[in-house]
Amino acid sequence: MSSGGYKIDKVVDARGSHCPGPLMELIKAIKNAEVGQVVAVYSTDSGSKTDIPLWVKKAGHELIGIYEREGYTEFVVRKTR
């Protein structure tokens, strides 16, 4: 998968999971990713729109984008350290 000049290395489908599930799934995926890899998280939980960007900033990774899709939100994050 690729768009916007980046390649998604791992997709975490956390749709239907409630807070803090999608964030926990992202943290697990980032821990297992190599530096520079891109992880996409799909979430239907409205709390993710606050939780995920805050965690990404606090953890020092790069939030590439937040995209509204049909019925869910896609968060794209690059592991930077």
Protein backbone atom coordinates (compact mmCIF):
# COMPACT_ATOMS: atom_id res chain seq x y z
CA MET A 1 0.00 0.00 0.00
CA SER A 2 1.27 3.41 -0.81
CA SER A 3 0.01 6.93 -1.12
CA GLY A 4 1.27 10.42 -0.50
CA GLY A 5 4.96 9.53 -0.72
CA TYR A 6 5.02 6.87 1.98
CA LYS A 7 4.58 3.10 2.09
CA ILE A 8 2.48 1.52 4.80
CA ASP A 9 4.44 -1.36 6.34
CA LYS A 10 1.77 -2.57 8.77
CA VAL A 11 -1.99 -2.08 9.06
CA VAL A 12 -3.66 -2.45 12.45
CA ASP A 13 -7.41 -2.89 12.08
CA ALA A 14 -8.81 -1.82 15.45
CA ARG A 15 -12.29 -1.05 14.15
CA GLY A 16 -14.91 -1.98 16.74
CA SER A 17 -12.36 -1.76 19.56
CA HIS A 18 -13.09 0.85 22.22
CA CYS A 19 -10.73 3.27 23.93
CA PRO A 20 -7.94 2.62 24.75
CA GLY A 21 -7.86 -0.44 22.44
CA PRO A 22 -6.79 1.27 19.19
CA LEU A 23 -4.02 3.18 20.99
CA MET A 24 -2.78 0.00 22.70
CA GLU A 25 -2.72 -1.76 19.32
CA LEU A 26 -0.73 1.13 17.82
CA ILE A 27 1.79 1.08 20.69
CA LYS A 28 2.28 -2.68 20.23
CA ALA A 29 2.73 -2.29 16.46
CA ILE A 30 5.22 0.60 16.87
CA LYS A 31 7.25 -1.45 19.39
CA ASN A 32 7.52 -4.27 16.86
CA ALA A 33 8.28 -2.00 13.88
CA GLU A 34 11.71 -0.94 12.65
CA VAL A 35 12.70 2.73 12.80
CA GLY A 36 11.38 4.40 9.64
CA GLN A 37 8.50 1.99 9.13
CA VAL A 38 4.97 3.29 8.76
CA VAL A 39 2.01 1.89 10.69
CA ALA A 40 -1.63 2.62 9.82
CA VAL A 41 -4.36 2.17 12.44
CA TYR A 42 -8.03 1.92 11.53
CA SER A 43 -10.32 3.03 14.36
CA THR A 44 -14.02 3.61 14.83
CA ASP A 45 -13.51 4.94 18.38
CA SER A 46 -13.94 8.73 18.56
CA GLY A 47 -11.48 8.94 21.48
CA SER A 48 -8.68 7.84 19.14
CA LYS A 49 -8.78 11.25 17.45
CA THR A 50 -7.45 12.74 20.70
CA ASP A 51 -5.49 9.83 22.18
CA ILE A 52 -3.44 8.74 19.18
CA PRO A 53 -2.07 12.18 18.14
CA LEU A 54 -1.22 12.99 21.79
CA TRP A 55 0.63 9.70 22.28
CA VAL A 56 2.49 10.00 18.95
CA LYS A 57 3.73 13.48 19.91
CA LYS A 58 4.66 12.41 23.45
CA ALA A 59 6.47 9.30 22.21
CA GLY A 60 8.37 11.33 19.60
CA HIS A 61 7.12 9.62 16.45
CA GLU A 62 5.79 11.26 13.29
CA LEU A 63 2.06 11.57 12.66
CA ILE A 64 1.91 11.49 8.87
CA GLY A 65 -1.82 11.98 8.71
CA ILE A 66 -5.33 11.40 9.97
CA TYR A 67 -7.78 10.43 7.25
CA GLU A 68 -11.55 10.15 7.52
CA ARG A 69 -12.61 7.01 5.66
CA GLU A 70 -16.08 5.58 5.19
CA GLY A 71 -17.12 4.51 8.69
CA TYR A 72 -13.70 4.80 10.36
CA THR A 73 -10.62 6.97 10.81
CA GLU A 74 -7.15 6.01 9.54
CA PHE A 75 -4.11 7.20 11.51
CA VAL A 76 -0.73 6.92 9.77
CA VAL A 77 2.37 7.00 11.96
CA ARG A 78 6.10 6.68 11.18
CA LYS A 79 8.35 5.20 13.85
CA THR A 80 11.23 7.64 14.32
CA ARG A 81 13.24 6.12 17.15
